[in-house]
């Protein structure tokens, strides 16, 4: 499938909310102000589009030099397993170059996808859980 990958393409809260809803990704979607802040303050977003429709996105929290945390990677369910996620990750790798380490936290159901993309598992991630 031919899709267009865009970097830091403006998206509306409604587009992003719909993507999170349709993928079942856990985010507090009723707080539009919070979602807008998330959109506005993510330094690097790769998105996939077909005929003006947002099909997926990858949110990257990065310093552009050493580290990039792939916070969210979402593809609409009807477009999954068509290479869009792989294409997004490959575009991120190319954009950031070989000096930037890519990291993420994967749900159990997604580990095979990330392993196929050469992500190595690690057991060193920690977090302080916060509200929502």
N, C-alpha and C. Protein backbone atom coordinates (compact mmCIF):
# COMPACT_ATOMS: atom_id res chain seq x y z
N UNK A 1 0.83 -1.18 0.00
CA UNK A 1 0.00 0.00 0.00
C UNK A 1 0.88 1.25 0.00
N UNK A 2 0.52 2.17 -0.83
CA UNK A 2 1.28 3.42 -0.92
C UNK A 2 0.69 4.46 0.03
N UNK A 3 1.47 4.82 1.04
CA UNK A 3 1.07 5.85 1.99
C UNK A 3 2.15 6.92 2.01
N UNK A 4 1.75 8.09 2.43
CA UNK A 4 2.69 9.20 2.55
C UNK A 4 3.08 9.35 4.01
N UNK A 5 4.38 9.40 4.27
CA UNK A 5 4.89 9.63 5.61
C UNK A 5 5.26 11.10 5.72
N UNK A 6 4.77 11.75 6.76
CA UNK A 6 5.04 13.16 6.99
C UNK A 6 5.69 13.34 8.35
N UNK A 7 6.54 14.35 8.45
CA UNK A 7 7.24 14.65 9.70
C UNK A 7 6.66 15.95 10.26
N UNK A 8 6.22 15.87 11.52
CA UNK A 8 5.65 17.01 12.24
C UNK A 8 4.52 17.70 11.48
N UNK A 9 3.72 16.90 10.82
CA UNK A 9 2.53 17.40 10.12
C UNK A 9 1.49 17.82 11.15
N UNK A 10 0.92 19.02 11.02
CA UNK A 10 -0.12 19.43 11.97
C UNK A 10 -1.30 18.46 11.94
N UNK A 11 -1.80 18.13 13.14
CA UNK A 11 -2.97 17.26 13.30
C UNK A 11 -3.90 17.89 14.31
N UNK A 12 -5.17 17.68 14.11
CA UNK A 12 -6.14 18.21 15.06
C UNK A 12 -6.31 17.24 16.23
N UNK A 13 -6.82 17.77 17.33
CA UNK A 13 -7.13 16.92 18.49
C UNK A 13 -8.13 15.84 18.07
N UNK A 14 -9.06 16.19 17.22
CA UNK A 14 -10.07 15.23 16.78
C UNK A 14 -9.44 14.08 16.00
N UNK A 15 -8.50 14.38 15.11
CA UNK A 15 -7.82 13.32 14.35
C UNK A 15 -7.05 12.40 15.27
N UNK A 16 -6.31 12.98 16.20
CA UNK A 16 -5.50 12.19 17.12
C UNK A 16 -6.39 11.37 18.06
N UNK A 17 -7.46 11.98 18.55
CA UNK A 17 -8.39 11.26 19.43
C UNK A 17 -8.99 10.06 18.72
N UNK A 18 -9.42 10.26 17.48
CA UNK A 18 -10.01 9.16 16.72
C UNK A 18 -9.01 8.01 16.54
N UNK A 19 -7.76 8.35 16.26
CA UNK A 19 -6.73 7.32 16.09
C UNK A 19 -6.53 6.53 17.38
N UNK A 20 -6.44 7.22 18.51
CA UNK A 20 -6.28 6.53 19.79
C UNK A 20 -7.52 5.68 20.11
N UNK A 21 -8.70 6.20 19.84
CA UNK A 21 -9.93 5.45 20.12
C UNK A 21 -9.98 4.17 19.29
N UNK A 22 -9.74 4.29 17.99
CA UNK A 22 -9.88 3.14 17.10
C UNK A 22 -8.82 2.07 17.35
N UNK A 23 -7.67 2.47 17.88
CA UNK A 23 -6.63 1.48 18.16
C UNK A 23 -6.74 0.92 19.57
N UNK A 24 -7.59 1.50 20.41
CA UNK A 24 -7.74 1.03 21.77
C UNK A 24 -6.56 1.37 22.66
N UNK A 25 -5.76 2.34 22.24
CA UNK A 25 -4.60 2.78 23.01
C UNK A 25 -5.07 3.53 24.23
N UNK A 26 -4.51 3.22 25.36
CA UNK A 26 -4.97 3.83 26.61
C UNK A 26 -4.40 5.23 26.80
N UNK A 27 -5.27 6.20 26.67
CA UNK A 27 -4.97 7.61 26.94
C UNK A 27 -6.25 8.22 27.47
N UNK A 28 -6.16 9.22 28.34
CA UNK A 28 -7.37 9.92 28.81
C UNK A 28 -7.90 10.84 27.71
N UNK A 29 -8.74 10.30 26.86
CA UNK A 29 -9.15 10.99 25.64
C UNK A 29 -10.21 12.07 25.84
N UNK A 30 -10.80 12.15 27.01
CA UNK A 30 -11.83 13.16 27.25
C UNK A 30 -11.23 14.52 27.57
N UNK A 31 -9.96 14.57 27.92
CA UNK A 31 -9.30 15.83 28.28
C UNK A 31 -8.63 16.41 27.04
N UNK A 32 -9.39 17.18 26.27
CA UNK A 32 -8.90 17.73 24.99
C UNK A 32 -7.72 18.68 25.18
N UNK A 33 -7.73 19.44 26.28
CA UNK A 33 -6.63 20.36 26.54
C UNK A 33 -5.33 19.58 26.76
N UNK A 34 -5.43 18.50 27.51
CA UNK A 34 -4.24 17.67 27.77
C UNK A 34 -3.72 17.03 26.47
N UNK A 35 -4.64 16.56 25.64
CA UNK A 35 -4.23 15.98 24.35
C UNK A 35 -3.57 17.04 23.46
N UNK A 36 -4.12 18.25 23.46
CA UNK A 36 -3.51 19.32 22.66
C UNK A 36 -2.11 19.63 23.16
N UNK A 37 -1.91 19.66 24.47
CA UNK A 37 -0.57 19.86 25.03
C UNK A 37 0.38 18.75 24.59
N UNK A 38 -0.12 17.50 24.60
CA UNK A 38 0.70 16.38 24.16
C UNK A 38 1.13 16.58 22.70
N UNK A 39 0.19 16.96 21.86
CA UNK A 39 0.49 17.18 20.44
C UNK A 39 1.50 18.32 20.28
N UNK A 40 1.24 19.43 20.97
CA UNK A 40 2.07 20.63 20.83
C UNK A 40 3.50 20.44 21.34
N UNK A 41 3.69 19.56 22.32
CA UNK A 41 4.99 19.45 22.97
C UNK A 41 5.76 18.17 22.62
N UNK A 42 5.28 17.43 21.66
CA UNK A 42 6.04 16.27 21.19
C UNK A 42 7.01 16.78 20.12
N UNK A 43 8.32 16.63 20.34
CA UNK A 43 9.27 17.25 19.43
C UNK A 43 9.34 16.62 18.04
N UNK A 44 8.92 15.36 17.91
CA UNK A 44 9.06 14.69 16.62
C UNK A 44 7.91 13.70 16.45
N UNK A 45 7.11 13.91 15.42
CA UNK A 45 5.99 13.02 15.13
C UNK A 45 6.05 12.63 13.66
N UNK A 46 6.04 11.34 13.43
CA UNK A 46 5.93 10.80 12.08
C UNK A 46 4.49 10.31 11.91
N UNK A 47 3.86 10.68 10.82
CA UNK A 47 2.48 10.25 10.60
C UNK A 47 2.35 9.67 9.20
N UNK A 48 1.40 8.76 9.06
CA UNK A 48 1.14 8.14 7.76
C UNK A 48 -0.25 8.57 7.29
N UNK A 49 -0.33 8.87 6.01
CA UNK A 49 -1.55 9.44 5.43
C UNK A 49 -1.86 8.76 4.10
N UNK A 50 -3.13 8.64 3.80
CA UNK A 50 -3.57 8.21 2.48
C UNK A 50 -4.82 9.02 2.14
N UNK A 51 -4.75 9.72 1.04
CA UNK A 51 -5.88 10.55 0.57
C UNK A 51 -6.39 11.49 1.66
N UNK A 52 -5.45 12.10 2.40
CA UNK A 52 -5.80 13.07 3.43
C UNK A 52 -6.28 12.47 4.75
N UNK A 53 -6.29 11.15 4.85
CA UNK A 53 -6.74 10.48 6.07
C UNK A 53 -5.54 10.04 6.89
N UNK A 54 -5.57 10.35 8.19
CA UNK A 54 -4.52 9.93 9.11
C UNK A 54 -4.69 8.45 9.40
N UNK A 55 -3.68 7.65 9.01
CA UNK A 55 -3.73 6.20 9.21
C UNK A 55 -2.95 5.76 10.44
N UNK A 56 -1.93 6.53 10.81
CA UNK A 56 -1.10 6.13 11.94
C UNK A 56 -0.12 7.22 12.31
N UNK A 57 0.49 7.03 13.47
CA UNK A 57 1.52 7.97 13.90
C UNK A 57 2.50 7.31 14.84
N UNK A 58 3.66 7.92 14.94
CA UNK A 58 4.69 7.52 15.90
C UNK A 58 5.16 8.80 16.59
N UNK A 59 4.95 8.86 17.92
CA UNK A 59 5.37 10.02 18.72
C UNK A 59 6.74 9.75 19.29
N UNK A 60 7.68 10.65 19.03
CA UNK A 60 9.07 10.48 19.45
C UNK A 60 9.48 11.57 20.43
N UNK A 61 9.94 11.15 21.60
CA UNK A 61 10.50 12.08 22.59
C UNK A 61 12.01 11.93 22.49
N UNK A 62 12.67 12.98 22.02
CA UNK A 62 14.08 12.84 21.66
C UNK A 62 14.87 14.10 21.91
N UNK A 63 16.19 13.92 22.08
CA UNK A 63 17.12 15.05 22.13
C UNK A 63 17.82 15.22 20.78
N UNK A 64 17.50 14.37 19.81
CA UNK A 64 18.03 14.41 18.45
C UNK A 64 19.51 14.09 18.36
N UNK A 65 20.11 13.68 19.46
CA UNK A 65 21.56 13.42 19.45
C UNK A 65 21.92 12.07 20.04
N UNK A 66 21.34 11.72 21.17
CA UNK A 66 21.70 10.48 21.85
C UNK A 66 20.55 9.50 21.98
N UNK A 67 19.35 10.00 22.20
CA UNK A 67 18.26 9.13 22.64
C UNK A 67 16.94 9.53 22.02
N UNK A 68 16.12 8.52 21.70
CA UNK A 68 14.75 8.74 21.24
C UNK A 68 13.87 7.68 21.87
N UNK A 69 12.86 8.12 22.60
CA UNK A 69 11.88 7.21 23.17
C UNK A 69 10.64 7.24 22.28
N UNK A 70 10.31 6.09 21.71
CA UNK A 70 9.11 6.00 20.88
C UNK A 70 7.92 5.82 21.81
N UNK A 71 7.27 6.91 22.13
CA UNK A 71 6.22 6.91 23.12
C UNK A 71 4.99 6.14 22.64
N UNK A 72 4.53 6.42 21.46
CA UNK A 72 3.34 5.77 20.92
C UNK A 72 3.56 5.46 19.44
N UNK A 73 3.18 4.27 19.06
CA UNK A 73 3.11 3.92 17.64
C UNK A 73 1.73 3.32 17.44
N UNK A 74 0.91 3.97 16.60
CA UNK A 74 -0.46 3.53 16.38
C UNK A 74 -0.76 3.48 14.89
N UNK A 75 -1.45 2.43 14.48
CA UNK A 75 -1.93 2.29 13.11
C UNK A 75 -3.40 1.89 13.21
N UNK A 76 -4.25 2.52 12.43
CA UNK A 76 -5.66 2.14 12.43
C UNK A 76 -5.78 0.64 12.19
N UNK A 77 -6.64 -0.04 12.92
CA UNK A 77 -6.75 -1.50 12.80
C UNK A 77 -6.96 -1.99 11.37
N UNK A 78 -7.74 -1.30 10.57
CA UNK A 78 -8.00 -1.75 9.20
C UNK A 78 -6.79 -1.57 8.28
N UNK A 79 -5.75 -0.91 8.76
CA UNK A 79 -4.53 -0.71 7.97
C UNK A 79 -3.32 -1.42 8.56
N UNK A 80 -3.53 -2.16 9.65
CA UNK A 80 -2.43 -2.89 10.26
C UNK A 80 -2.03 -4.08 9.39
N UNK A 81 -0.80 -4.56 9.61
CA UNK A 81 -0.23 -5.70 8.88
C UNK A 81 -0.08 -5.42 7.39
N UNK A 82 0.15 -4.13 7.07
CA UNK A 82 0.37 -3.74 5.68
C UNK A 82 1.71 -3.00 5.52
N UNK A 83 2.54 -3.05 6.56
CA UNK A 83 3.87 -2.47 6.48
C UNK A 83 3.96 -1.01 6.89
N UNK A 84 2.88 -0.42 7.35
CA UNK A 84 2.90 1.01 7.71
C UNK A 84 3.73 1.24 8.97
N UNK A 85 3.56 0.41 9.98
CA UNK A 85 4.36 0.54 11.21
C UNK A 85 5.84 0.39 10.93
N UNK A 86 6.19 -0.60 10.13
CA UNK A 86 7.59 -0.81 9.74
C UNK A 86 8.13 0.42 9.00
N UNK A 87 7.31 0.97 8.11
CA UNK A 87 7.73 2.14 7.35
C UNK A 87 7.95 3.34 8.28
N UNK A 88 7.06 3.53 9.26
CA UNK A 88 7.24 4.63 10.21
C UNK A 88 8.55 4.48 10.98
N UNK A 89 8.81 3.28 11.50
CA UNK A 89 10.04 3.05 12.26
C UNK A 89 11.27 3.25 11.38
N UNK A 90 11.22 2.76 10.16
CA UNK A 90 12.36 2.94 9.26
C UNK A 90 12.61 4.42 8.95
N UNK A 91 11.55 5.18 8.79
CA UNK A 91 11.69 6.62 8.54
C UNK A 91 12.30 7.32 9.76
N UNK A 92 11.89 6.91 10.95
CA UNK A 92 12.46 7.48 12.18
C UNK A 92 13.95 7.18 12.24
N UNK A 93 14.32 5.93 12.00
CA UNK A 93 15.73 5.54 12.04
C UNK A 93 16.55 6.34 11.03
N UNK A 94 16.04 6.49 9.83
CA UNK A 94 16.76 7.26 8.80
C UNK A 94 16.87 8.73 9.19
N UNK A 95 15.80 9.29 9.70
CA UNK A 95 15.77 10.71 10.07
C UNK A 95 16.76 11.02 11.18
N UNK A 96 16.80 10.16 12.21
CA UNK A 96 17.65 10.42 13.37
C UNK A 96 19.09 9.95 13.18
N UNK A 97 19.32 9.03 12.28
CA UNK A 97 20.67 8.54 12.03
C UNK A 97 21.09 7.47 13.01
N UNK A 98 22.30 7.01 12.86
CA UNK A 98 22.78 5.85 13.63
C UNK A 98 23.29 6.21 15.02
N UNK A 99 23.44 7.47 15.33
CA UNK A 99 23.97 7.86 16.64
C UNK A 99 22.90 7.89 17.73
N UNK A 100 21.64 7.93 17.34
CA UNK A 100 20.54 8.06 18.30
C UNK A 100 19.98 6.67 18.63
N UNK A 101 19.97 6.33 19.91
CA UNK A 101 19.41 5.07 20.38
C UNK A 101 17.89 5.17 20.43
N UNK A 102 17.22 4.18 19.87
CA UNK A 102 15.76 4.13 19.90
C UNK A 102 15.32 3.16 20.99
N UNK A 103 14.39 3.61 21.83
CA UNK A 103 13.86 2.77 22.90
C UNK A 103 12.35 2.90 22.95
N UNK A 104 11.70 1.88 23.50
CA UNK A 104 10.26 1.90 23.69
C UNK A 104 9.86 0.88 24.73
N UNK A 105 8.62 0.98 25.17
CA UNK A 105 8.02 -0.02 26.04
C UNK A 105 6.89 -0.64 25.23
N UNK A 106 6.91 -1.96 25.11
CA UNK A 106 5.95 -2.64 24.26
C UNK A 106 4.96 -3.46 25.07
N UNK A 107 3.72 -3.43 24.64
CA UNK A 107 2.71 -4.35 25.18
C UNK A 107 3.09 -5.76 24.73
N UNK A 108 2.69 -6.75 25.51
CA UNK A 108 3.03 -8.13 25.19
C UNK A 108 2.63 -8.52 23.77
N UNK A 109 1.46 -8.07 23.33
CA UNK A 109 0.98 -8.45 22.00
C UNK A 109 1.80 -7.84 20.86
N UNK A 110 2.62 -6.83 21.16
CA UNK A 110 3.40 -6.15 20.12
C UNK A 110 4.87 -6.55 20.10
N UNK A 111 5.31 -7.39 21.03
CA UNK A 111 6.74 -7.69 21.12
C UNK A 111 7.30 -8.33 19.85
N UNK A 112 6.54 -9.21 19.21
CA UNK A 112 7.00 -9.84 17.98
C UNK A 112 7.26 -8.82 16.89
N UNK A 113 6.39 -7.83 16.77
CA UNK A 113 6.57 -6.77 15.78
C UNK A 113 7.88 -6.04 16.00
N UNK A 114 8.16 -5.67 17.26
CA UNK A 114 9.39 -4.93 17.54
C UNK A 114 10.63 -5.79 17.38
N UNK A 115 10.54 -7.03 17.73
CA UNK A 115 11.69 -7.93 17.54
C UNK A 115 12.00 -8.09 16.05
N UNK A 116 10.97 -8.15 15.21
CA UNK A 116 11.19 -8.24 13.75
C UNK A 116 11.87 -6.97 13.22
N UNK A 117 11.70 -5.85 13.93
CA UNK A 117 12.33 -4.59 13.52
C UNK A 117 13.69 -4.39 14.20
N UNK A 118 14.20 -5.44 14.82
CA UNK A 118 15.53 -5.47 15.43
C UNK A 118 15.64 -4.70 16.74
N UNK A 119 14.52 -4.47 17.43
CA UNK A 119 14.59 -3.94 18.78
C UNK A 119 14.96 -5.10 19.70
N UNK A 120 15.90 -4.88 20.59
CA UNK A 120 16.32 -5.92 21.54
C UNK A 120 15.61 -5.69 22.87
N UNK A 121 15.10 -6.77 23.48
CA UNK A 121 14.44 -6.59 24.78
C UNK A 121 15.43 -6.18 25.86
N UNK A 122 14.92 -5.43 26.83
CA UNK A 122 15.73 -5.02 27.97
C UNK A 122 14.85 -5.10 29.21
N UNK A 123 15.47 -5.35 30.33
CA UNK A 123 14.71 -5.43 31.57
C UNK A 123 15.05 -4.28 32.51
N UNK A 124 15.58 -3.22 31.98
CA UNK A 124 16.08 -2.12 32.81
C UNK A 124 15.15 -0.90 32.84
N UNK A 125 13.91 -1.03 32.43
CA UNK A 125 13.03 0.12 32.42
C UNK A 125 12.31 0.22 33.77
N UNK A 126 12.21 1.43 34.29
CA UNK A 126 11.53 1.73 35.54
C UNK A 126 10.60 2.90 35.30
N UNK A 127 9.61 3.06 36.17
CA UNK A 127 8.72 4.21 36.03
C UNK A 127 8.11 4.57 37.37
N UNK A 128 7.69 5.80 37.48
CA UNK A 128 6.87 6.29 38.58
C UNK A 128 5.50 6.55 37.98
N UNK A 129 4.53 5.75 38.34
CA UNK A 129 3.19 5.89 37.76
C UNK A 129 2.54 7.16 38.29
N UNK A 130 1.96 7.91 37.39
CA UNK A 130 1.31 9.17 37.74
C UNK A 130 -0.16 9.12 37.33
N UNK A 131 -0.90 10.15 37.65
CA UNK A 131 -2.32 10.23 37.31
C UNK A 131 -2.52 10.12 35.80
N UNK A 132 -3.48 9.31 35.40
CA UNK A 132 -3.92 9.18 34.02
C UNK A 132 -2.85 8.92 33.08
